C-alpha atoms as a PDB file:
ATOM      1  CA  MET A   1     205.408 128.965 167.457  1.00  0.00           C
ATOM      2  CA  ASN A   2     206.531 125.970 169.504  1.00  0.00           C
ATOM      3  CA  GLY A   3     208.648 124.983 172.463  1.00  0.00           C
ATOM      4  CA  GLU A   4     211.858 126.118 170.780  1.00  0.00           C
ATOM      5  CA  LEU A   5     210.489 129.648 170.453  1.00  0.00           C
ATOM      6  CA  ILE A   6     209.432 129.553 174.107  1.00  0.00           C
ATOM      7  CA  VAL A   7     213.058 128.818 175.008  1.00  0.00           C
ATOM      8  CA  ASP A   8     214.260 131.664 172.799  1.00  0.00           C
ATOM      9  CA  CYS A   9     211.759 134.012 174.438  1.00  0.00           C
ATOM     10  CA  CYS A  10     212.942 132.946 177.900  1.00  0.00           C
ATOM     11  CA  ASP A  11     216.497 133.788 176.900  1.00  0.00           C
ATOM     12  CA  ALA A  12     215.446 137.193 175.545  1.00  0.00           C
ATOM     13  CA  VAL A  13     213.441 138.055 178.655  1.00  0.00           C
ATOM     14  CA  TYR A  14     216.217 136.894 180.964  1.00  0.00           C
ATOM     15  CA  ALA A  15     218.795 139.058 179.175  1.00  0.00           C
ATOM     16  CA  ALA A  16     216.502 142.094 179.295  1.00  0.00           C
ATOM     17  CA  LEU A  17     215.701 141.699 182.990  1.00  0.00           C
ATOM     18  CA  MET A  18     219.373 141.186 183.826  1.00  0.00           C
ATOM     19  CA  GLU A  19     220.112 144.493 182.107  1.00  0.00           C
ATOM     20  CA  HIS A  20     217.543 146.273 184.284  1.00  0.00           C
ATOM     21  CA  THR A  21     218.059 144.345 187.535  1.00  0.00           C
ATOM     22  CA  ASP A  22     219.497 147.198 189.591  1.00  0.00           C
ATOM     23  CA  GLU A  23     216.837 149.659 188.459  1.00  0.00           C
ATOM     24  CA  ILE A  24     213.912 147.320 189.195  1.00  0.00           C
ATOM     25  CA  ALA A  25     215.428 146.311 192.534  1.00  0.00           C
ATOM     26  CA  GLU A  26     215.680 149.969 193.509  1.00  0.00           C
ATOM     27  CA  LEU A  27     212.047 150.576 192.558  1.00  0.00           C
ATOM     28  CA  ASP A  28     211.038 147.600 194.680  1.00  0.00           C
ATOM     29  CA  GLN A  29     213.096 148.758 197.651  1.00  0.00           C
ATOM     30  CA  GLN A  30     211.181 152.042 197.587  1.00  0.00           C
ATOM     31  CA  ILE A  31     207.703 150.526 197.971  1.00  0.00           C
ATOM     32  CA  GLY A  32     208.076 146.737 198.271  1.00  0.00           C
ATOM     33  CA  ASP A  33     210.155 143.891 199.624  1.00  0.00           C
ATOM     34  CA  GLY A  34     213.069 144.362 197.238  1.00  0.00           C
ATOM     35  CA  ASP A  35     213.035 140.769 196.009  1.00  0.00           C
ATOM     36  CA  HIS A  36     210.718 141.006 192.986  1.00  0.00           C
ATOM     37  CA  ILE A  37     213.359 141.028 190.257  1.00  0.00           C
ATOM     38  CA  TYR A  38     215.418 138.312 191.925  1.00  0.00           C
ATOM     39  CA  ASN A  39     212.387 136.044 192.140  1.00  0.00           C
ATOM     40  CA  LEU A  40     211.733 136.553 188.433  1.00  0.00           C
ATOM     41  CA  LEU A  41     215.339 135.846 187.496  1.00  0.00           C
ATOM     42  CA  ARG A  42     215.359 132.680 189.603  1.00  0.00           C
ATOM     43  CA  GLY A  43     212.283 131.457 187.778  1.00  0.00           C
ATOM     44  CA  LEU A  44     213.766 132.193 184.376  1.00  0.00           C
ATOM     45  CA  GLU A  45     216.993 130.432 185.325  1.00  0.00           C
ATOM     46  CA  ALA A  46     214.923 127.368 186.213  1.00  0.00           C
ATOM     47  CA  LEU A  47     213.176 127.519 182.842  1.00  0.00           C
ATOM     48  CA  ARG A  48     216.446 127.880 180.978  1.00  0.00           C
ATOM     49  CA  ALA A  49     217.770 124.824 182.835  1.00  0.00           C
ATOM     50  CA  MET A  50     214.970 122.744 181.300  1.00  0.00           C
ATOM     51  CA  ARG A  51     215.436 124.119 177.793  1.00  0.00           C
ATOM     52  CA  ALA A  52     215.708 120.683 176.149  1.00  0.00           C
ATOM     53  CA  GLN A  53     212.395 119.570 177.630  1.00  0.00           C
ATOM     54  CA  LEU A  54     210.656 122.795 176.650  1.00  0.00           C
ATOM     55  CA  ALA A  55     212.123 122.824 173.135  1.00  0.00           C
ATOM     56  CA  ALA A  56     210.869 119.298 172.455  1.00  0.00           C
ATOM     57  CA  ALA A  57     207.284 120.125 173.456  1.00  0.00           C
ATOM     58  CA  GLU A  58     204.387 121.556 171.496  1.00  0.00           C
ATOM     59  CA  LEU A  59     203.387 125.115 172.389  1.00  0.00           C
ATOM     60  CA  GLY A  60     200.586 124.276 174.815  1.00  0.00           C
ATOM     61  CA  GLN A  61     202.598 121.625 176.605  1.00  0.00           C
ATOM     62  CA  ALA A  62     205.667 123.880 176.808  1.00  0.00           C
ATOM     63  CA  LEU A  63     203.572 126.608 178.422  1.00  0.00           C
ATOM     64  CA  GLN A  64     202.146 124.111 180.936  1.00  0.00           C
ATOM     65  CA  LEU A  65     205.620 122.868 181.825  1.00  0.00           C
ATOM     66  CA  ALA A  66     206.865 126.431 182.242  1.00  0.00           C
ATOM     67  CA  ALA A  67     203.882 127.335 184.422  1.00  0.00           C
ATOM     68  CA  SER A  68     204.481 124.373 186.727  1.00  0.00           C
ATOM     69  CA  LYS A  69     208.167 125.195 187.053  1.00  0.00           C
ATOM     70  CA  LEU A  70     207.507 128.854 187.893  1.00  0.00           C
ATOM     71  CA  LEU A  71     204.918 127.903 190.479  1.00  0.00           C
ATOM     72  CA  ALA A  72     207.442 125.604 192.159  1.00  0.00           C
ATOM     73  CA  THR A  73     210.400 127.974 191.884  1.00  0.00           C
ATOM     74  CA  VAL A  74     209.381 131.619 192.170  1.00  0.00           C
ATOM     75  CA  GLY A  75     208.651 133.058 195.580  1.00  0.00           C
ATOM     76  CA  GLY A  76     206.382 135.916 196.570  1.00  0.00           C
ATOM     77  CA  SER A  77     203.262 136.704 194.582  1.00  0.00           C
ATOM     78  CA  SER A  78     205.013 136.684 191.203  1.00  0.00           C
ATOM     79  CA  GLY A  79     205.280 132.894 190.923  1.00  0.00           C
ATOM     80  CA  PRO A  80     201.560 132.075 191.170  1.00  0.00           C
ATOM     81  CA  LEU A  81     200.639 135.077 189.032  1.00  0.00           C
ATOM     82  CA  TRP A  82     203.007 134.367 186.145  1.00  0.00           C
ATOM     83  CA  ALA A  83     202.216 130.654 186.394  1.00  0.00           C
ATOM     84  CA  SER A  84     198.526 131.532 186.043  1.00  0.00           C
ATOM     85  CA  LEU A  85     199.258 133.611 182.948  1.00  0.00           C
ATOM     86  CA  LEU A  86     201.201 130.808 181.279  1.00  0.00           C
ATOM     87  CA  MET A  87     198.637 128.191 182.245  1.00  0.00           C
ATOM     88  CA  GLY A  88     195.832 130.370 180.907  1.00  0.00           C
ATOM     89  CA  MET A  89     197.748 130.800 177.668  1.00  0.00           C
ATOM     90  CA  SER A  90     198.347 127.056 177.421  1.00  0.00           C
ATOM     91  CA  ARG A  91     194.599 126.381 177.478  1.00  0.00           C
ATOM     92  CA  SER A  92     194.168 128.634 174.436  1.00  0.00           C
ATOM     93  CA  ALA A  93     197.362 127.641 172.617  1.00  0.00           C
ATOM     94  CA  PRO A  94     196.527 127.434 168.890  1.00  0.00           C
ATOM     95  CA  ARG A  95     197.733 124.922 166.345  1.00  0.00           C
ATOM     96  CA  GLU A  96     198.409 127.713 163.867  1.00  0.00           C
ATOM     97  CA  CYS A  97     199.824 130.863 165.425  1.00  0.00           C
ATOM     98  CA  THR A  98     198.236 133.716 163.542  1.00  0.00           C
ATOM     99  CA  ALA A  99     198.342 137.173 165.094  1.00  0.00           C
ATOM    100  CA  ALA A 100     194.677 136.815 166.066  1.00  0.00           C
ATOM    101  CA  ALA A 101     195.323 133.447 167.702  1.00  0.00           C
ATOM    102  CA  VAL A 102     198.268 134.829 169.680  1.00  0.00           C
ATOM    103  CA  ALA A 103     196.153 137.790 170.810  1.00  0.00           C
ATOM    104  CA  THR A 104     193.440 135.406 172.018  1.00  0.00           C
ATOM    105  CA  MET A 105     196.010 133.235 173.789  1.00  0.00           C
ATOM    106  CA  TYR A 106     197.621 136.222 175.487  1.00  0.00           C
ATOM    107  CA  ALA A 107     194.274 137.663 176.556  1.00  0.00           C
ATOM    108  CA  ALA A 108     193.332 134.313 178.088  1.00  0.00           C
ATOM    109  CA  GLY A 109     196.554 134.331 180.063  1.00  0.00           C
ATOM    110  CA  VAL A 110     196.011 137.872 181.300  1.00  0.00           C
ATOM    111  CA  GLU A 111     192.463 136.980 182.354  1.00  0.00           C
ATOM    112  CA  ALA A 112     193.746 133.974 184.299  1.00  0.00           C
ATOM    113  CA  MET A 113     196.349 136.154 186.019  1.00  0.00           C
ATOM    114  CA  GLN A 114     193.746 138.786 186.807  1.00  0.00           C
ATOM    115  CA  GLN A 115     191.482 136.200 188.408  1.00  0.00           C
ATOM    116  CA  ARG A 116     194.355 134.782 190.454  1.00  0.00           C
ATOM    117  CA  GLY A 117     195.449 138.206 191.690  1.00  0.00           C
ATOM    118  CA  LYS A 118     191.895 139.510 192.115  1.00  0.00           C
ATOM    119  CA  THR A 119     192.821 142.897 190.698  1.00  0.00           C
ATOM    120  CA  GLY A 120     192.712 144.899 187.504  1.00  0.00           C
ATOM    121  CA  ARG A 121     193.777 148.244 186.079  1.00  0.00           C
ATOM    122  CA  GLY A 122     194.389 151.119 188.439  1.00  0.00           C
ATOM    123  CA  SER A 123     195.795 149.036 191.288  1.00  0.00           C
ATOM    124  CA  LYS A 124     199.462 149.973 190.692  1.00  0.00           C
ATOM    125  CA  THR A 125     200.526 146.464 189.674  1.00  0.00           C
ATOM    126  CA  MET A 126     201.735 144.571 186.627  1.00  0.00           C
ATOM    127  CA  MET A 127     198.096 144.469 185.482  1.00  0.00           C
ATOM    128  CA  ASP A 128     198.404 148.149 184.582  1.00  0.00           C
ATOM    129  CA  VAL A 129     200.767 147.010 181.831  1.00  0.00           C
ATOM    130  CA  LEU A 130     199.439 143.598 180.871  1.00  0.00           C
ATOM    131  CA  ILE A 131     195.749 144.491 180.532  1.00  0.00           C
ATOM    132  CA  PRO A 132     196.281 147.585 178.339  1.00  0.00           C
ATOM    133  CA  VAL A 133     198.617 145.570 176.115  1.00  0.00           C
ATOM    134  CA  ALA A 134     195.926 142.900 175.644  1.00  0.00           C
ATOM    135  CA  GLU A 135     193.361 145.573 174.784  1.00  0.00           C
ATOM    136  CA  ARG A 136     195.715 147.368 172.409  1.00  0.00           C
ATOM    137  CA  PHE A 137     196.571 144.063 170.715  1.00  0.00           C
ATOM    138  CA  ARG A 138     192.887 143.533 169.933  1.00  0.00           C
ATOM    139  CA  GLU A 139     192.475 147.123 168.715  1.00  0.00           C
ATOM    140  CA  LEU A 140     195.410 146.766 166.331  1.00  0.00           C
ATOM    141  CA  LEU A 141     193.989 143.541 164.931  1.00  0.00           C
ATOM    142  CA  GLU A 142     190.614 145.177 164.385  1.00  0.00           C
ATOM    143  CA  ALA A 143     192.410 147.984 162.542  1.00  0.00           C
ATOM    144  CA  GLN A 144     194.051 145.317 160.339  1.00  0.00           C
ATOM    145  CA  SER A 145     197.538 146.352 161.387  1.00  0.00           C
ATOM    146  CA  THR A 146     200.442 144.297 160.122  1.00  0.00           C
ATOM    147  CA  ILE A 147     202.417 142.042 162.445  1.00  0.00           C
ATOM    148  CA  GLU A 148     205.328 144.457 162.205  1.00  0.00           C
ATOM    149  CA  GLU A 149     203.094 147.362 163.260  1.00  0.00           C
ATOM    150  CA  ILE A 150     201.677 145.341 166.158  1.00  0.00           C
ATOM    151  CA  LEU A 151     205.127 144.447 167.442  1.00  0.00           C
ATOM    152  CA  ARG A 152     206.157 148.104 167.298  1.00  0.00           C
ATOM    153  CA  GLU A 153     203.025 149.398 169.022  1.00  0.00           C
ATOM    154  CA  LEU A 154     202.663 146.934 171.905  1.00  0.00           C
ATOM    155  CA  PRO A 155     205.919 147.993 173.646  1.00  0.00           C
ATOM    156  CA  LYS A 156     204.715 151.611 173.449  1.00  0.00           C
ATOM    157  CA  GLU A 157     201.464 150.630 175.156  1.00  0.00           C
ATOM    158  CA  ALA A 158     203.410 148.722 177.792  1.00  0.00           C
ATOM    159  CA  GLU A 159     205.517 151.802 178.490  1.00  0.00           C
ATOM    160  CA  ARG A 160     202.432 153.995 178.813  1.00  0.00           C
ATOM    161  CA  GLY A 161     200.930 151.544 181.277  1.00  0.00           C
ATOM    162  CA  MET A 162     204.128 151.352 183.291  1.00  0.00           C
ATOM    163  CA  LEU A 163     204.480 155.134 183.519  1.00  0.00           C
ATOM    164  CA  SER A 164     200.833 155.482 184.556  1.00  0.00           C
ATOM    165  CA  THR A 165     201.564 153.667 187.817  1.00  0.00           C
ATOM    166  CA  ARG A 166     203.773 156.478 189.099  1.00  0.00           C
ATOM    167  CA  GLU A 167     200.923 158.564 190.501  1.00  0.00           C
ATOM    168  CA  MET A 168     198.616 155.689 191.409  1.00  0.00           C
ATOM    169  CA  LEU A 169     197.757 154.708 194.948  1.00  0.00           C
ATOM    170  CA  ALA A 170     198.871 151.118 195.563  1.00  0.00           C
ATOM    171  CA  LEU A 171     195.917 148.834 196.305  1.00  0.00           C
ATOM    172  CA  LYS A 172     197.685 145.460 196.418  1.00  0.00           C
ATOM    173  CA  GLY A 173     200.789 143.972 197.998  1.00  0.00           C
ATOM    174  CA  ARG A 174     203.235 145.461 200.455  1.00  0.00           C
ATOM    175  CA  ALA A 175     203.070 148.861 198.750  1.00  0.00           C
ATOM    176  CA  SER A 176     199.396 149.167 199.752  1.00  0.00           C
ATOM    177  CA  PHE A 177     200.482 149.553 203.398  1.00  0.00           C
ATOM    178  CA  LEU A 178     202.234 152.815 202.477  1.00  0.00           C
ATOM    179  CA  GLY A 179     198.997 154.555 201.599  1.00  0.00           C
ATOM    180  CA  GLU A 180     199.603 157.958 200.027  1.00  0.00           C
ATOM    181  CA  ARG A 181     203.354 157.419 200.265  1.00  0.00           C
ATOM    182  CA  SER A 182     203.072 154.863 197.466  1.00  0.00           C
ATOM    183  CA  ARG A 183     202.369 157.698 195.025  1.00  0.00           C
ATOM    184  CA  GLY A 184     205.284 159.090 193.078  1.00  0.00           C
ATOM    185  CA  HIS A 185     206.899 155.684 192.514  1.00  0.00           C
ATOM    186  CA  ILE A 186     206.691 153.439 189.458  1.00  0.00           C
ATOM    187  CA  ASP A 187     205.511 149.981 190.407  1.00  0.00           C
ATOM    188  CA  PRO A 188     208.379 147.457 190.058  1.00  0.00           C
ATOM    189  CA  GLY A 189     206.040 144.766 188.748  1.00  0.00           C
ATOM    190  CA  ALA A 190     204.787 147.150 186.079  1.00  0.00           C
ATOM    191  CA  ARG A 191     208.371 147.999 185.121  1.00  0.00           C
ATOM    192  CA  SER A 192     209.439 144.361 184.891  1.00  0.00           C
ATOM    193  CA  SER A 193     206.318 143.553 182.860  1.00  0.00           C
ATOM    194  CA  GLN A 194     207.085 146.412 180.490  1.00  0.00           C
ATOM    195  CA  VAL A 195     210.637 145.120 180.040  1.00  0.00           C
ATOM    196  CA  ILE A 196     209.252 141.633 179.374  1.00  0.00           C
ATOM    197  CA  ILE A 197     206.755 142.859 176.756  1.00  0.00           C
ATOM    198  CA  ALA A 198     209.459 144.867 174.978  1.00  0.00           C
ATOM    199  CA  ALA A 199     211.854 141.899 174.963  1.00  0.00           C
ATOM    200  CA  LEU A 200     209.206 139.502 173.651  1.00  0.00           C
ATOM    201  CA  CYS A 201     208.144 141.840 170.861  1.00  0.00           C
ATOM    202  CA  ALA A 202     211.751 142.389 169.822  1.00  0.00           C
ATOM    203  CA  ARG A 203     212.358 138.640 169.749  1.00  0.00           C
ATOM    204  CA  LEU A 204     209.165 137.859 167.826  1.00  0.00           C
ATOM    205  CA  ALA A 205     209.943 140.585 165.314  1.00  0.00           C
ATOM    206  CA  LYS A 206     212.919 138.497 164.211  1.00  0.00           C
ATOM    207  CA  VAL A 207     210.649 135.660 163.050  1.00  0.00           C
ATOM    208  CA  ALA A 208     207.617 137.705 161.968  1.00  0.00           C
END
């Protein structure tokens, strides 16, 4: 895993989010500002514009570069949060990318994002997808699952987390001002995170 794979993953995530843009925008219009997906796409477009620089870098450096670009490019809360995840991952970037090393790197990124956002599971946010995926990743490793099994199971966990937000009461962001009216809606950040996890697993399955 190196900068070239980071570029490939950016392309895969961008394509997946483009496919679901209208759906995620509609979810966000129901309980948020309506700009979540467009902020994410703008950030990914900025990353794709620096593909040569990212591809030439080692994994940790590529993640740092991507984090800095997202922080400077993406508006709203998504920019700082995703930048924190990538920066946290960069600090734990391994020299040899075993499944265990990737799980540790991802968990470090999720922890950094959680600290930045000051929230966890049950808040009707992207953390309701990202945290369960980190936990499930560790469980699968402890069960000695194969890489192929892991990459099949993590998208399922992401979907479960995303769907769980439907009946949650929003505790963070603009949706929190709706109170009980926030129930009955899937969180757009959870949906975009689920799409991202699915796209990444599909892309990594090609080189597993």
